[in-house]
Amino acid sequence: MHIPVLLAGFLAGPVCGLTVGILAPLLSHLLTGMPPTYAVPLMAAELPVYGLVAGLTYNRLKLNIYLSLIIAMVLGRVMFGLSLFVLGLFIKLPYSAAEFFAGGVALITGLPGIIVQIALVPIIVAAVRRKRTNG
């Protein structure tokens, strides 16, 4: 889900990235059962930040795509952790916000996705932009 949200932000702008980020976890859960129910609100907080920040930093602030991508991923993970803390006040979760940040869960569990995103997203964005300009 992360890659389509990032691509929406980079290619269609911050509002589209935000919208796709809000809708993707719920639609994915309804269609596939993933993410698990407890994670839907967490990802529905994280992914809009990915799309919004990617769109703002790249399209509006004109930052380098790699810098924009890293900023979006960091802020998205921070939002996930904050959401984890808030949701954890109301229901029992598999791990706490403290474990998420202190134990390195934020980085370790996301490392394969981070690598794939850094490798693929800039290539896809460049290819789509090149295709748009060359018609």
N, C-alpha and C. Protein backbone atom coordinates (compact mmCIF):
# COMPACT_ATOMS: atom_id res chain seq x y z
N MET A 1 0.81 -1.20 0.00
CA MET A 1 0.00 0.00 0.00
C MET A 1 0.85 1.26 0.00
N HIS A 2 2.02 1.20 0.58
CA HIS A 2 2.85 2.39 0.72
C HIS A 2 3.28 2.96 -0.63
N ILE A 3 3.67 2.10 -1.54
CA ILE A 3 4.18 2.57 -2.83
C ILE A 3 3.09 3.30 -3.63
N PRO A 4 1.89 2.76 -3.77
CA PRO A 4 0.86 3.52 -4.50
C PRO A 4 0.54 4.87 -3.85
N VAL A 5 0.57 4.92 -2.54
CA VAL A 5 0.29 6.18 -1.84
C VAL A 5 1.40 7.19 -2.13
N LEU A 6 2.65 6.74 -2.04
CA LEU A 6 3.77 7.63 -2.35
C LEU A 6 3.71 8.10 -3.80
N LEU A 7 3.42 7.18 -4.71
CA LEU A 7 3.32 7.55 -6.12
C LEU A 7 2.19 8.56 -6.35
N ALA A 8 1.08 8.39 -5.66
CA ALA A 8 -0.02 9.35 -5.79
C ALA A 8 0.44 10.73 -5.35
N GLY A 9 1.17 10.80 -4.25
CA GLY A 9 1.67 12.08 -3.77
C GLY A 9 2.66 12.70 -4.73
N PHE A 10 3.62 11.90 -5.21
CA PHE A 10 4.64 12.41 -6.12
C PHE A 10 4.07 12.81 -7.47
N LEU A 11 3.19 11.99 -8.01
CA LEU A 11 2.72 12.19 -9.39
C LEU A 11 1.44 13.00 -9.51
N ALA A 12 0.55 12.92 -8.53
CA ALA A 12 -0.73 13.61 -8.63
C ALA A 12 -0.87 14.75 -7.61
N GLY A 13 0.07 14.85 -6.70
CA GLY A 13 0.06 15.96 -5.75
C GLY A 13 -0.36 15.57 -4.35
N PRO A 14 -0.22 16.52 -3.42
CA PRO A 14 -0.46 16.24 -2.01
C PRO A 14 -1.90 15.87 -1.67
N VAL A 15 -2.88 16.50 -2.30
CA VAL A 15 -4.28 16.19 -1.98
C VAL A 15 -4.62 14.77 -2.42
N CYS A 16 -4.17 14.39 -3.59
CA CYS A 16 -4.40 13.03 -4.08
C CYS A 16 -3.67 12.02 -3.19
N GLY A 17 -2.42 12.32 -2.84
CA GLY A 17 -1.67 11.44 -1.96
C GLY A 17 -2.35 11.25 -0.62
N LEU A 18 -2.87 12.34 -0.07
CA LEU A 18 -3.60 12.30 1.20
C LEU A 18 -4.84 11.42 1.07
N THR A 19 -5.60 11.63 0.00
CA THR A 19 -6.84 10.88 -0.22
C THR A 19 -6.58 9.39 -0.41
N VAL A 20 -5.62 9.06 -1.25
CA VAL A 20 -5.28 7.65 -1.47
C VAL A 20 -4.80 7.03 -0.16
N GLY A 21 -4.02 7.79 0.61
CA GLY A 21 -3.52 7.29 1.89
C GLY A 21 -4.61 7.00 2.90
N ILE A 22 -5.66 7.79 2.88
CA ILE A 22 -6.78 7.56 3.79
C ILE A 22 -7.58 6.33 3.36
N LEU A 23 -7.82 6.21 2.07
CA LEU A 23 -8.69 5.15 1.55
C LEU A 23 -8.02 3.78 1.45
N ALA A 24 -6.73 3.74 1.15
CA ALA A 24 -6.04 2.48 0.86
C ALA A 24 -6.14 1.44 1.99
N PRO A 25 -5.88 1.79 3.25
CA PRO A 25 -5.94 0.76 4.29
C PRO A 25 -7.34 0.16 4.46
N LEU A 26 -8.34 1.01 4.41
CA LEU A 26 -9.71 0.50 4.58
C LEU A 26 -10.12 -0.37 3.40
N LEU A 27 -9.87 0.09 2.18
CA LEU A 27 -10.22 -0.71 1.00
C LEU A 27 -9.45 -2.02 0.97
N SER A 28 -8.17 -1.97 1.29
CA SER A 28 -7.36 -3.19 1.32
C SER A 28 -7.90 -4.17 2.36
N HIS A 29 -8.27 -3.66 3.52
CA HIS A 29 -8.81 -4.52 4.58
C HIS A 29 -10.13 -5.16 4.13
N LEU A 30 -10.98 -4.36 3.52
CA LEU A 30 -12.28 -4.89 3.08
C LEU A 30 -12.12 -5.92 1.96
N LEU A 31 -11.15 -5.72 1.07
CA LEU A 31 -10.98 -6.62 -0.07
C LEU A 31 -10.12 -7.83 0.23
N THR A 32 -9.12 -7.69 1.11
CA THR A 32 -8.17 -8.78 1.32
C THR A 32 -8.04 -9.25 2.78
N GLY A 33 -8.60 -8.47 3.70
CA GLY A 33 -8.43 -8.80 5.12
C GLY A 33 -7.13 -8.28 5.70
N MET A 34 -6.34 -7.62 4.88
CA MET A 34 -5.06 -7.05 5.34
C MET A 34 -5.08 -5.55 5.09
N PRO A 35 -4.62 -4.77 5.97
CA PRO A 35 -4.01 -5.08 7.26
C PRO A 35 -5.06 -5.60 8.25
N PRO A 36 -4.59 -6.19 9.36
CA PRO A 36 -5.54 -6.65 10.38
C PRO A 36 -6.37 -5.47 10.91
N THR A 37 -7.51 -5.78 11.46
CA THR A 37 -8.45 -4.75 11.90
C THR A 37 -7.80 -3.70 12.79
N TYR A 38 -6.99 -4.13 13.77
CA TYR A 38 -6.40 -3.15 14.69
C TYR A 38 -5.46 -2.19 13.96
N ALA A 39 -4.89 -2.62 12.84
CA ALA A 39 -3.90 -1.80 12.13
C ALA A 39 -4.53 -0.82 11.13
N VAL A 40 -5.79 -1.01 10.80
CA VAL A 40 -6.43 -0.12 9.81
C VAL A 40 -6.36 1.34 10.26
N PRO A 41 -6.78 1.67 11.50
CA PRO A 41 -6.69 3.09 11.88
C PRO A 41 -5.25 3.59 11.98
N LEU A 42 -4.33 2.70 12.33
CA LEU A 42 -2.92 3.09 12.40
C LEU A 42 -2.39 3.45 11.02
N MET A 43 -2.69 2.60 10.06
CA MET A 43 -2.23 2.86 8.69
C MET A 43 -3.02 3.98 8.04
N ALA A 44 -4.28 4.17 8.46
CA ALA A 44 -5.07 5.27 7.94
C ALA A 44 -4.59 6.61 8.48
N ALA A 45 -3.73 6.59 9.47
CA ALA A 45 -3.08 7.81 9.97
C ALA A 45 -1.70 7.96 9.32
N GLU A 46 -0.99 6.84 9.15
CA GLU A 46 0.37 6.86 8.60
C GLU A 46 0.39 7.18 7.11
N LEU A 47 -0.40 6.47 6.33
CA LEU A 47 -0.31 6.59 4.87
C LEU A 47 -0.71 7.95 4.32
N PRO A 48 -1.73 8.62 4.88
CA PRO A 48 -2.01 9.97 4.37
C PRO A 48 -0.82 10.93 4.55
N VAL A 49 -0.08 10.73 5.63
CA VAL A 49 1.11 11.56 5.85
C VAL A 49 2.14 11.27 4.76
N TYR A 50 2.32 10.00 4.40
CA TYR A 50 3.22 9.65 3.31
C TYR A 50 2.85 10.41 2.04
N GLY A 51 1.59 10.29 1.64
CA GLY A 51 1.14 10.91 0.39
C GLY A 51 1.18 12.42 0.43
N LEU A 52 0.71 13.00 1.53
CA LEU A 52 0.69 14.45 1.67
C LEU A 52 2.10 15.04 1.66
N VAL A 53 2.97 14.48 2.48
CA VAL A 53 4.33 15.00 2.60
C VAL A 53 5.12 14.78 1.31
N ALA A 54 4.95 13.63 0.68
CA ALA A 54 5.64 13.39 -0.60
C ALA A 54 5.22 14.44 -1.63
N GLY A 55 3.91 14.69 -1.71
CA GLY A 55 3.42 15.68 -2.66
C GLY A 55 3.87 17.09 -2.35
N LEU A 56 3.84 17.46 -1.07
CA LEU A 56 4.24 18.82 -0.69
C LEU A 56 5.73 19.06 -0.89
N THR A 57 6.55 18.13 -0.40
CA THR A 57 7.99 18.35 -0.47
C THR A 57 8.53 18.28 -1.89
N TYR A 58 7.98 17.41 -2.70
CA TYR A 58 8.48 17.23 -4.06
C TYR A 58 7.87 18.22 -5.05
N ASN A 59 6.55 18.37 -5.02
CA ASN A 59 5.87 19.21 -6.00
C ASN A 59 5.83 20.68 -5.62
N ARG A 60 5.67 20.97 -4.35
CA ARG A 60 5.53 22.37 -3.94
C ARG A 60 6.86 22.96 -3.49
N LEU A 61 7.61 22.21 -2.67
CA LEU A 61 8.90 22.73 -2.18
C LEU A 61 10.05 22.45 -3.13
N LYS A 62 9.77 21.57 -4.12
CA LYS A 62 10.76 21.21 -5.15
C LYS A 62 12.03 20.59 -4.58
N LEU A 63 11.87 19.78 -3.53
CA LEU A 63 13.01 19.06 -2.97
C LEU A 63 13.35 17.87 -3.86
N ASN A 64 14.56 17.39 -3.74
CA ASN A 64 15.02 16.18 -4.41
C ASN A 64 14.10 15.02 -4.06
N ILE A 65 13.85 14.13 -5.01
CA ILE A 65 12.91 13.02 -4.77
C ILE A 65 13.35 12.12 -3.61
N TYR A 66 14.65 11.88 -3.48
CA TYR A 66 15.12 11.02 -2.39
C TYR A 66 14.90 11.68 -1.04
N LEU A 67 15.19 12.96 -0.95
CA LEU A 67 14.97 13.70 0.29
C LEU A 67 13.48 13.74 0.62
N SER A 68 12.67 14.01 -0.38
CA SER A 68 11.22 14.03 -0.18
C SER A 68 10.71 12.67 0.30
N LEU A 69 11.22 11.62 -0.29
CA LEU A 69 10.83 10.25 0.06
C LEU A 69 11.21 9.94 1.51
N ILE A 70 12.41 10.29 1.89
CA ILE A 70 12.87 10.00 3.26
C ILE A 70 12.07 10.82 4.27
N ILE A 71 11.85 12.08 3.99
CA ILE A 71 11.05 12.91 4.90
C ILE A 71 9.64 12.33 5.05
N ALA A 72 9.03 11.95 3.94
CA ALA A 72 7.68 11.37 3.98
C ALA A 72 7.66 10.08 4.80
N MET A 73 8.66 9.22 4.59
CA MET A 73 8.69 7.94 5.32
C MET A 73 8.91 8.16 6.81
N VAL A 74 9.79 9.07 7.17
CA VAL A 74 10.05 9.34 8.59
C VAL A 74 8.81 9.91 9.26
N LEU A 75 8.21 10.93 8.65
CA LEU A 75 7.02 11.54 9.26
C LEU A 75 5.84 10.57 9.30
N GLY A 76 5.72 9.73 8.29
CA GLY A 76 4.67 8.71 8.31
C GLY A 76 4.85 7.72 9.45
N ARG A 77 6.08 7.29 9.67
CA ARG A 77 6.34 6.34 10.77
C ARG A 77 6.13 7.00 12.13
N VAL A 78 6.47 8.28 12.24
CA VAL A 78 6.21 9.01 13.48
C VAL A 78 4.70 9.06 13.74
N MET A 79 3.93 9.34 12.69
CA MET A 79 2.47 9.37 12.83
C MET A 79 1.93 8.00 13.23
N PHE A 80 2.51 6.93 12.66
CA PHE A 80 2.11 5.57 13.03
C PHE A 80 2.34 5.36 14.53
N GLY A 81 3.51 5.77 15.00
CA GLY A 81 3.84 5.61 16.42
C GLY A 81 2.92 6.42 17.32
N LEU A 82 2.62 7.65 16.94
CA LEU A 82 1.70 8.48 17.73
C LEU A 82 0.31 7.87 17.74
N SER A 83 -0.12 7.36 16.60
CA SER A 83 -1.43 6.71 16.51
C SER A 83 -1.45 5.44 17.35
N LEU A 84 -0.35 4.73 17.35
CA LEU A 84 -0.22 3.52 18.17
C LEU A 84 -0.39 3.87 19.65
N PHE A 85 0.23 4.96 20.07
CA PHE A 85 0.11 5.41 21.45
C PHE A 85 -1.35 5.73 21.79
N VAL A 86 -2.01 6.52 20.95
CA VAL A 86 -3.39 6.92 21.21
C VAL A 86 -4.33 5.71 21.18
N LEU A 87 -4.22 4.88 20.16
CA LEU A 87 -5.09 3.70 20.07
C LEU A 87 -4.84 2.75 21.24
N GLY A 88 -3.59 2.66 21.66
CA GLY A 88 -3.23 1.79 22.78
C GLY A 88 -3.86 2.22 24.09
N LEU A 89 -4.30 3.44 24.18
CA LEU A 89 -5.01 3.90 25.38
C LEU A 89 -6.40 3.27 25.49
N PHE A 90 -6.92 2.81 24.35
CA PHE A 90 -8.29 2.31 24.31
C PHE A 90 -8.41 0.81 24.10
N ILE A 91 -7.46 0.21 23.39
CA ILE A 91 -7.53 -1.23 23.14
C ILE A 91 -6.15 -1.86 23.34
N LYS A 92 -6.15 -3.17 23.54
CA LYS A 92 -4.90 -3.92 23.68
C LYS A 92 -4.32 -4.15 22.29
N LEU A 93 -3.04 -3.78 22.14
CA LEU A 93 -2.36 -3.93 20.86
C LEU A 93 -1.19 -4.89 21.01
N PRO A 94 -0.71 -5.46 19.89
CA PRO A 94 0.41 -6.41 19.96
C PRO A 94 1.69 -5.81 20.53
N TYR A 95 1.88 -4.50 20.39
CA TYR A 95 3.04 -3.83 20.97
C TYR A 95 2.68 -2.37 21.22
N SER A 96 3.44 -1.75 22.11
CA SER A 96 3.15 -0.37 22.48
C SER A 96 3.96 0.61 21.64
N ALA A 97 3.61 1.88 21.76
CA ALA A 97 4.36 2.93 21.06
C ALA A 97 5.80 2.97 21.56
N ALA A 98 5.99 2.75 22.85
CA ALA A 98 7.34 2.75 23.42
C ALA A 98 8.18 1.63 22.80
N GLU A 99 7.59 0.44 22.67
CA GLU A 99 8.30 -0.68 22.04
C GLU A 99 8.57 -0.40 20.56
N PHE A 100 7.61 0.25 19.91
CA PHE A 100 7.73 0.58 18.50
C PHE A 100 8.94 1.47 18.25
N PHE A 101 9.10 2.51 19.08
CA PHE A 101 10.21 3.44 18.88
C PHE A 101 11.51 2.95 19.53
N ALA A 102 11.45 2.56 20.80
CA ALA A 102 12.67 2.20 21.55
C ALA A 102 13.28 0.90 21.06
N GLY A 103 12.45 -0.06 20.75
CA GLY A 103 12.95 -1.37 20.34
C GLY A 103 13.39 -1.43 18.89
N GLY A 104 13.26 -0.34 18.18
CA GLY A 104 13.66 -0.32 16.79
C GLY A 104 12.66 -0.96 15.86
N VAL A 105 11.46 -1.26 16.37
CA VAL A 105 10.43 -1.90 15.54
C VAL A 105 10.12 -1.03 14.33
N ALA A 106 10.12 0.28 14.53
CA ALA A 106 9.80 1.21 13.45
C ALA A 106 10.76 1.03 12.27
N LEU A 107 12.01 0.77 12.55
CA LEU A 107 13.00 0.61 11.49
C LEU A 107 13.12 -0.84 11.04
N ILE A 108 13.22 -1.75 12.00
CA ILE A 108 13.46 -3.16 11.67
C ILE A 108 12.32 -3.76 10.85
N THR A 109 11.07 -3.56 11.30
CA THR A 109 9.95 -4.15 10.57
C THR A 109 9.75 -3.49 9.22
N GLY A 110 10.12 -2.23 9.12
CA GLY A 110 9.92 -1.52 7.88
C GLY A 110 11.09 -1.55 6.92
N LEU A 111 12.22 -2.14 7.33
CA LEU A 111 13.44 -2.09 6.52
C LEU A 111 13.28 -2.65 5.11
N PRO A 112 12.70 -3.82 4.93
CA PRO A 112 12.53 -4.31 3.55
C PRO A 112 11.70 -3.35 2.70
N GLY A 113 10.62 -2.83 3.26
CA GLY A 113 9.78 -1.88 2.53
C GLY A 113 10.51 -0.58 2.24
N ILE A 114 11.30 -0.12 3.19
CA ILE A 114 12.08 1.11 3.00
C ILE A 114 13.04 0.94 1.83
N ILE A 115 13.71 -0.19 1.78
CA ILE A 115 14.67 -0.45 0.70
C ILE A 115 13.96 -0.49 -0.65
N VAL A 116 12.83 -1.19 -0.71
CA VAL A 116 12.08 -1.29 -1.96
C VAL A 116 11.56 0.09 -2.38
N GLN A 117 11.06 0.86 -1.42
CA GLN A 117 10.54 2.19 -1.75
C GLN A 117 11.65 3.10 -2.28
N ILE A 118 12.81 3.10 -1.63
CA ILE A 118 13.91 3.95 -2.08
C ILE A 118 14.42 3.50 -3.45
N ALA A 119 14.36 2.21 -3.71
CA ALA A 119 14.83 1.70 -5.00
C ALA A 119 13.83 1.93 -6.13
N LEU A 120 12.55 1.70 -5.86
CA LEU A 120 11.56 1.72 -6.94
C LEU A 120 10.86 3.05 -7.18
N VAL A 121 10.47 3.74 -6.13
CA VAL A 121 9.64 4.94 -6.29
C VAL A 121 10.32 5.99 -7.18
N PRO A 122 11.59 6.34 -6.95
CA PRO A 122 12.20 7.34 -7.84
C PRO A 122 12.26 6.90 -9.31
N ILE A 123 12.50 5.63 -9.54
CA ILE A 123 12.56 5.11 -10.91
C ILE A 123 11.19 5.22 -11.58
N ILE A 124 10.14 4.84 -10.86
CA ILE A 124 8.78 4.90 -11.41
C ILE A 124 8.37 6.35 -11.67
N VAL A 125 8.65 7.22 -10.71
CA VAL A 125 8.29 8.64 -10.88
C VAL A 125 9.02 9.22 -12.09
N ALA A 126 10.31 8.93 -12.22
CA ALA A 126 11.07 9.44 -13.37
C ALA A 126 10.52 8.90 -14.68
N ALA A 127 10.17 7.62 -14.72
CA ALA A 127 9.63 7.02 -15.95
C ALA A 127 8.29 7.64 -16.33
N VAL A 128 7.42 7.83 -15.35
CA VAL A 128 6.10 8.43 -15.65
C VAL A 128 6.28 9.87 -16.11
N ARG A 129 7.12 10.62 -15.43
CA ARG A 129 7.34 12.02 -15.83
C ARG A 129 7.95 12.10 -17.24
N ARG A 130 8.87 11.20 -17.53
CA ARG A 130 9.49 11.17 -18.87
C ARG A 130 8.43 10.85 -19.93
N LYS A 131 7.57 9.89 -19.62
CA LYS A 131 6.51 9.50 -20.56
C LYS A 131 5.53 10.66 -20.79
N ARG A 132 5.22 11.38 -19.71
CA ARG A 132 4.30 12.52 -19.82
C ARG A 132 4.88 13.60 -20.73
N THR A 133 6.19 13.86 -20.60
CA THR A 133 6.81 14.93 -21.40
C THR A 133 7.02 14.51 -22.84
N ASN A 134 7.31 13.25 -23.05
CA ASN A 134 7.56 12.77 -24.43
C ASN A 134 6.27 12.37 -25.13
N GLY A 135 5.18 12.28 -24.36
CA GLY A 135 3.87 11.99 -24.94
C GLY A 135 3.77 10.62 -25.43
